[in-house]
């Protein structure tokens, strides 16, 4: 697919659900993120996790609804 890294940003609680999907290295990602495989990021998008408007991981994943 050409994407080597995607990130899920989590909320402030330790067990918080993901709140935003980013492309790896995005400057808008907060401090609480972890790298994930593209299929996990795509699943998060389908489950309604917010998309970063700056790095546009939905376009990178070709997920356009």
PDB file of N, CA and C in Angstrom:
ATOM      1  N   UNK A   1       0.821  -1.199   0.000  1.00  0.00           N
ATOM      2  CA  UNK A   1       0.000   0.000   0.000  1.00  0.00           C
ATOM      3  C   UNK A   1       0.866   1.264   0.000  1.00  0.00           C
ATOM      4  N   UNK A   2       2.125   1.156   0.368  1.00  0.00           N
ATOM      5  CA  UNK A   2       2.990   2.313   0.305  1.00  0.00           C
ATOM      6  C   UNK A   2       3.063   3.121   1.588  1.00  0.00           C
ATOM      7  N   UNK A   3       2.203   2.856   2.530  1.00  0.00           N
ATOM      8  CA  UNK A   3       2.217   3.577   3.804  1.00  0.00           C
ATOM      9  C   UNK A   3       2.995   2.726   4.792  1.00  0.00           C
ATOM     10  N   UNK A   4       4.006   3.294   5.377  1.00  0.00           N
ATOM     11  CA  UNK A   4       4.813   2.513   6.297  1.00  0.00           C
ATOM     12  C   UNK A   4       4.375   2.681   7.743  1.00  0.00           C
ATOM     13  N   UNK A   5       3.684   3.782   8.045  1.00  0.00           N
ATOM     14  CA  UNK A   5       3.333   4.008   9.441  1.00  0.00           C
ATOM     15  C   UNK A   5       2.097   4.877   9.573  1.00  0.00           C
ATOM     16  N   UNK A   6       1.239   4.468  10.466  1.00  0.00           N
ATOM     17  CA  UNK A   6       0.066   5.245  10.848  1.00  0.00           C
ATOM     18  C   UNK A   6       0.029   5.298  12.354  1.00  0.00           C
ATOM     19  N   UNK A   7      -0.694   6.259  12.904  1.00  0.00           N
ATOM     20  CA  UNK A   7      -0.724   6.431  14.348  1.00  0.00           C
ATOM     21  C   UNK A   7      -2.160   6.603  14.830  1.00  0.00           C
ATOM     22  N   UNK A   8      -2.432   6.073  16.010  1.00  0.00           N
ATOM     23  CA  UNK A   8      -3.682   6.329  16.705  1.00  0.00           C
ATOM     24  C   UNK A   8      -3.358   7.172  17.929  1.00  0.00           C
ATOM     25  N   UNK A   9      -4.031   8.298  18.046  1.00  0.00           N
ATOM     26  CA  UNK A   9      -3.867   9.165  19.211  1.00  0.00           C
ATOM     27  C   UNK A   9      -4.960   8.818  20.208  1.00  0.00           C
ATOM     28  N   UNK A  10      -4.577   8.647  21.464  1.00  0.00           N
ATOM     29  CA  UNK A  10      -5.519   8.254  22.512  1.00  0.00           C
ATOM     30  C   UNK A  10      -5.844   9.425  23.425  1.00  0.00           C
ATOM     31  N   UNK A  11      -6.947   9.287  24.149  1.00  0.00           N
ATOM     32  CA  UNK A  11      -7.363  10.305  25.105  1.00  0.00           C
ATOM     33  C   UNK A  11      -6.489  10.299  26.345  1.00  0.00           C
ATOM     34  N   UNK A  12      -6.813  11.145  27.319  1.00  0.00           N
ATOM     35  CA  UNK A  12      -5.960  11.335  28.492  1.00  0.00           C
ATOM     36  C   UNK A  12      -5.929  10.165  29.477  1.00  0.00           C
ATOM     37  N   UNK A  13      -6.937   9.316  29.481  1.00  0.00           N
ATOM     38  CA  UNK A  13      -6.953   8.186  30.408  1.00  0.00           C
ATOM     39  C   UNK A  13      -6.115   7.048  29.863  1.00  0.00           C
ATOM     40  N   UNK A  14      -5.568   6.260  30.756  1.00  0.00           N
ATOM     41  CA  UNK A  14      -4.713   5.136  30.359  1.00  0.00           C
ATOM     42  C   UNK A  14      -5.437   4.166  29.443  1.00  0.00           C
ATOM     43  N   UNK A  15      -6.692   3.901  29.694  1.00  0.00           N
ATOM     44  CA  UNK A  15      -7.466   2.943  28.899  1.00  0.00           C
ATOM     45  C   UNK A  15      -8.382   3.634  27.892  1.00  0.00           C
ATOM     46  N   UNK A  16      -8.082   4.866  27.568  1.00  0.00           N
ATOM     47  CA  UNK A  16      -8.942   5.633  26.665  1.00  0.00           C
ATOM     48  C   UNK A  16      -8.928   5.045  25.258  1.00  0.00           C
ATOM     49  N   UNK A  17     -10.055   5.155  24.601  1.00  0.00           N
ATOM     50  CA  UNK A  17     -10.175   4.731  23.215  1.00  0.00           C
ATOM     51  C   UNK A  17      -9.457   5.721  22.312  1.00  0.00           C
ATOM     52  N   UNK A  18      -9.085   5.298  21.101  1.00  0.00           N
ATOM     53  CA  UNK A  18      -8.454   6.228  20.160  1.00  0.00           C
ATOM     54  C   UNK A  18      -9.381   7.390  19.834  1.00  0.00           C
ATOM     55  N   UNK A  19      -8.807   8.581  19.670  1.00  0.00           N
ATOM     56  CA  UNK A  19      -9.624   9.748  19.344  1.00  0.00           C
ATOM     57  C   UNK A  19      -9.314  10.296  17.954  1.00  0.00           C
ATOM     58  N   UNK A  20      -8.096  10.039  17.439  1.00  0.00           N
ATOM     59  CA  UNK A  20      -7.720  10.564  16.134  1.00  0.00           C
ATOM     60  C   UNK A  20      -6.758   9.611  15.435  1.00  0.00           C
ATOM     61  N   UNK A  21      -6.904   9.497  14.111  1.00  0.00           N
ATOM     62  CA  UNK A  21      -5.975   8.732  13.287  1.00  0.00           C
ATOM     63  C   UNK A  21      -5.071   9.731  12.567  1.00  0.00           C
ATOM     64  N   UNK A  22      -3.764   9.456  12.568  1.00  0.00           N
ATOM     65  CA  UNK A  22      -2.774  10.317  11.913  1.00  0.00           C
ATOM     66  C   UNK A  22      -1.886   9.475  11.004  1.00  0.00           C
ATOM     67  N   UNK A  23      -1.283  10.107  10.012  1.00  0.00           N
ATOM     68  CA  UNK A  23      -0.209   9.499   9.236  1.00  0.00           C
ATOM     69  C   UNK A  23       1.047   9.625  10.088  1.00  0.00           C
ATOM     70  N   UNK A  24       1.912   8.627  10.055  1.00  0.00           N
ATOM     71  CA  UNK A  24       3.128   8.635  10.857  1.00  0.00           C
ATOM     72  C   UNK A  24       3.952   9.896  10.669  1.00  0.00           C
ATOM     73  N   UNK A  25       4.414  10.453  11.775  1.00  0.00           N
ATOM     74  CA  UNK A  25       5.214  11.663  11.734  1.00  0.00           C
ATOM     75  C   UNK A  25       4.414  12.950  11.674  1.00  0.00           C
ATOM     76  N   UNK A  26       3.101  12.860  11.779  1.00  0.00           N
ATOM     77  CA  UNK A  26       2.252  14.058  11.710  1.00  0.00           C
ATOM     78  C   UNK A  26       2.574  15.012  12.851  1.00  0.00           C
ATOM     79  N   UNK A  27       2.719  16.270  12.528  1.00  0.00           N
ATOM     80  CA  UNK A  27       3.054  17.269  13.549  1.00  0.00           C
ATOM     81  C   UNK A  27       1.875  17.599  14.459  1.00  0.00           C
ATOM     82  N   UNK A  28       0.669  17.244  14.060  1.00  0.00           N
ATOM     83  CA  UNK A  28      -0.517  17.547  14.864  1.00  0.00           C
ATOM     84  C   UNK A  28      -0.814  16.476  15.916  1.00  0.00           C
ATOM     85  N   UNK A  29      -0.128  15.362  15.871  1.00  0.00           N
ATOM     86  CA  UNK A  29      -0.355  14.301  16.851  1.00  0.00           C
ATOM     87  C   UNK A  29       0.086  14.774  18.229  1.00  0.00           C
ATOM     88  N   UNK A  30      -0.719  14.441  19.220  1.00  0.00           N
ATOM     89  CA  UNK A  30      -0.380  14.809  20.592  1.00  0.00           C
ATOM     90  C   UNK A  30       0.680  13.886  21.172  1.00  0.00           C
ATOM     91  N   UNK A  31       0.756  13.862  22.481  1.00  0.00           N
ATOM     92  CA  UNK A  31       1.773  13.061  23.165  1.00  0.00           C
ATOM     93  C   UNK A  31       1.366  11.603  23.334  1.00  0.00           C
ATOM     94  N   UNK A  32       0.069  11.323  23.285  1.00  0.00           N
ATOM     95  CA  UNK A  32      -0.422   9.977  23.574  1.00  0.00           C
ATOM     96  C   UNK A  32      -0.803   9.258  22.281  1.00  0.00           C
ATOM     97  N   UNK A  33       0.171   8.760  21.560  1.00  0.00           N
ATOM     98  CA  UNK A  33      -0.092   8.059  20.323  1.00  0.00           C
ATOM     99  C   UNK A  33       0.743   6.795  20.269  1.00  0.00           C
ATOM    100  N   UNK A  34       0.343   5.891  19.381  1.00  0.00           N
ATOM    101  CA  UNK A  34       1.160   4.708  19.125  1.00  0.00           C
ATOM    102  C   UNK A  34       1.041   4.356  17.651  1.00  0.00           C
ATOM    103  N   UNK A  35       2.118   3.831  17.106  1.00  0.00           N
ATOM    104  CA  UNK A  35       2.124   3.385  15.725  1.00  0.00           C
ATOM    105  C   UNK A  35       1.295   2.125  15.577  1.00  0.00           C
ATOM    106  N   UNK A  36       0.539   2.039  14.500  1.00  0.00           N
ATOM    107  CA  UNK A  36      -0.318   0.881  14.251  1.00  0.00           C
ATOM    108  C   UNK A  36      -0.216   0.476  12.783  1.00  0.00           C
ATOM    109  N   UNK A  37      -0.518  -0.796  12.478  1.00  0.00           N
ATOM    110  CA  UNK A  37      -0.555  -1.222  11.084  1.00  0.00           C
ATOM    111  C   UNK A  37      -1.735  -0.561  10.351  1.00  0.00           C
ATOM    112  N   UNK A  38      -1.637  -0.505   9.017  1.00  0.00           N
ATOM    113  CA  UNK A  38      -2.664   0.194   8.244  1.00  0.00           C
ATOM    114  C   UNK A  38      -4.039  -0.414   8.436  1.00  0.00           C
ATOM    115  N   UNK A  39      -4.155  -1.752   8.617  1.00  0.00           N
ATOM    116  CA  UNK A  39      -5.476  -2.361   8.774  1.00  0.00           C
ATOM    117  C   UNK A  39      -6.134  -1.943  10.089  1.00  0.00           C
ATOM    118  N   UNK A  40      -5.339  -1.744  11.136  1.00  0.00           N
ATOM    119  CA  UNK A  40      -5.895  -1.284  12.411  1.00  0.00           C
ATOM    120  C   UNK A  40      -6.366   0.172  12.297  1.00  0.00           C
ATOM    121  N   UNK A  41      -5.605   0.992  11.592  1.00  0.00           N
ATOM    122  CA  UNK A  41      -6.011   2.387  11.375  1.00  0.00           C
ATOM    123  C   UNK A  41      -7.278   2.451  10.527  1.00  0.00           C
ATOM    124  N   UNK A  42      -7.363   1.615   9.506  1.00  0.00           N
ATOM    125  CA  UNK A  42      -8.553   1.578   8.655  1.00  0.00           C
ATOM    126  C   UNK A  42      -9.774   1.136   9.451  1.00  0.00           C
ATOM    127  N   UNK A  43      -9.611   0.151  10.312  1.00  0.00           N
ATOM    128  CA  UNK A  43     -10.716  -0.299  11.167  1.00  0.00           C
ATOM    129  C   UNK A  43     -11.175   0.824  12.093  1.00  0.00           C
ATOM    130  N   UNK A  44     -10.218   1.577  12.642  1.00  0.00           N
ATOM    131  CA  UNK A  44     -10.573   2.698  13.515  1.00  0.00           C
ATOM    132  C   UNK A  44     -11.402   3.728  12.752  1.00  0.00           C
ATOM    133  N   UNK A  45     -11.035   3.995  11.500  1.00  0.00           N
ATOM    134  CA  UNK A  45     -11.808   4.947  10.690  1.00  0.00           C
ATOM    135  C   UNK A  45     -13.219   4.446  10.457  1.00  0.00           C
ATOM    136  N   UNK A  46     -13.370   3.157  10.173  1.00  0.00           N
ATOM    137  CA  UNK A  46     -14.705   2.611   9.933  1.00  0.00           C
ATOM    138  C   UNK A  46     -15.550   2.602  11.193  1.00  0.00           C
ATOM    139  N   UNK A  47     -14.895   2.617  12.363  1.00  0.00           N
ATOM    140  CA  UNK A  47     -15.618   2.635  13.637  1.00  0.00           C
ATOM    141  C   UNK A  47     -15.891   4.053  14.120  1.00  0.00           C
ATOM    142  N   UNK A  48     -15.529   5.055  13.318  1.00  0.00           N
ATOM    143  CA  UNK A  48     -15.880   6.427  13.650  1.00  0.00           C
ATOM    144  C   UNK A  48     -14.826   7.249  14.350  1.00  0.00           C
ATOM    145  N   UNK A  49     -13.590   6.745  14.442  1.00  0.00           N
ATOM    146  CA  UNK A  49     -12.526   7.536  15.053  1.00  0.00           C
ATOM    147  C   UNK A  49     -12.248   8.731  14.142  1.00  0.00           C
ATOM    148  N   UNK A  50     -12.023   9.868  14.729  1.00  0.00           N
ATOM    149  CA  UNK A  50     -11.822  11.121  14.007  1.00  0.00           C
ATOM    150  C   UNK A  50     -10.570  11.079  13.144  1.00  0.00           C
ATOM    151  N   UNK A  51     -10.617  11.782  12.022  1.00  0.00           N
ATOM    152  CA  UNK A  51      -9.502  11.867  11.086  1.00  0.00           C
ATOM    153  C   UNK A  51      -8.788  13.195  11.280  1.00  0.00           C
ATOM    154  N   UNK A  52      -7.455  13.172  11.273  1.00  0.00           N
ATOM    155  CA  UNK A  52      -6.689  14.412  11.333  1.00  0.00           C
ATOM    156  C   UNK A  52      -6.899  15.174  10.026  1.00  0.00           C
ATOM    157  N   UNK A  53      -7.317  16.413  10.121  1.00  0.00           N
ATOM    158  CA  UNK A  53      -7.560  17.227   8.942  1.00  0.00           C
ATOM    159  C   UNK A  53      -6.297  17.742   8.286  1.00  0.00           C
ATOM    160  N   UNK A  54      -5.167  17.630   8.974  1.00  0.00           N
ATOM    161  CA  UNK A  54      -3.904  18.126   8.427  1.00  0.00           C
ATOM    162  C   UNK A  54      -3.173  17.060   7.614  1.00  0.00           C
ATOM    163  N   UNK A  55      -3.008  15.876   8.198  1.00  0.00           N
ATOM    164  CA  UNK A  55      -2.240  14.833   7.502  1.00  0.00           C
ATOM    165  C   UNK A  55      -3.128  13.921   6.645  1.00  0.00           C
ATOM    166  N   UNK A  56      -4.415  13.961   6.821  1.00  0.00           N
ATOM    167  CA  UNK A  56      -5.427  13.257   6.024  1.00  0.00           C
ATOM    168  C   UNK A  56      -5.132  11.766   5.815  1.00  0.00           C
ATOM    169  N   UNK A  57      -5.135  10.989   6.894  1.00  0.00           N
ATOM    170  CA  UNK A  57      -4.872   9.555   6.751  1.00  0.00           C
ATOM    171  C   UNK A  57      -5.958   8.832   5.966  1.00  0.00           C
ATOM    172  N   UNK A  58      -7.166   9.361   5.939  1.00  0.00           N
ATOM    173  CA  UNK A  58      -8.229   8.712   5.167  1.00  0.00           C
ATOM    174  C   UNK A  58      -7.903   8.723   3.674  1.00  0.00           C
ATOM    175  N   UNK A  59      -7.339   9.796   3.183  1.00  0.00           N
ATOM    176  CA  UNK A  59      -6.937   9.861   1.777  1.00  0.00           C
ATOM    177  C   UNK A  59      -5.752   8.932   1.524  1.00  0.00           C
ATOM    178  N   UNK A  60      -4.812   8.883   2.467  1.00  0.00           N
ATOM    179  CA  UNK A  60      -3.657   8.006   2.318  1.00  0.00           C
ATOM    180  C   UNK A  60      -4.079   6.538   2.301  1.00  0.00           C
ATOM    181  N   UNK A  61      -5.126   6.208   3.078  1.00  0.00           N
ATOM    182  CA  UNK A  61      -5.636   4.845   3.122  1.00  0.00           C
ATOM    183  C   UNK A  61      -6.663   4.580   2.021  1.00  0.00           C
ATOM    184  N   UNK A  62      -6.971   5.602   1.247  1.00  0.00           N
ATOM    185  CA  UNK A  62      -8.008   5.521   0.209  1.00  0.00           C
ATOM    186  C   UNK A  62      -9.365   5.161   0.803  1.00  0.00           C
ATOM    187  N   UNK A  63      -9.629   5.686   1.997  1.00  0.00           N
ATOM    188  CA  UNK A  63     -10.918   5.506   2.667  1.00  0.00           C
ATOM    189  C   UNK A  63     -11.668   6.827   2.584  1.00  0.00           C
ATOM    190  N   UNK A  64     -12.508   6.956   1.610  1.00  0.00           N
ATOM    191  CA  UNK A  64     -13.272   8.179   1.411  1.00  0.00           C
ATOM    192  C   UNK A  64     -14.751   7.814   1.428  1.00  0.00           C
ATOM    193  N   UNK A  65     -15.486   8.285   2.450  1.00  0.00           N
ATOM    194  CA  UNK A  65     -16.910   7.950   2.496  1.00  0.00           C
ATOM    195  C   UNK A  65     -17.767   9.038   1.961  1.00  0.00           C
TER     196      UNK A  65
END
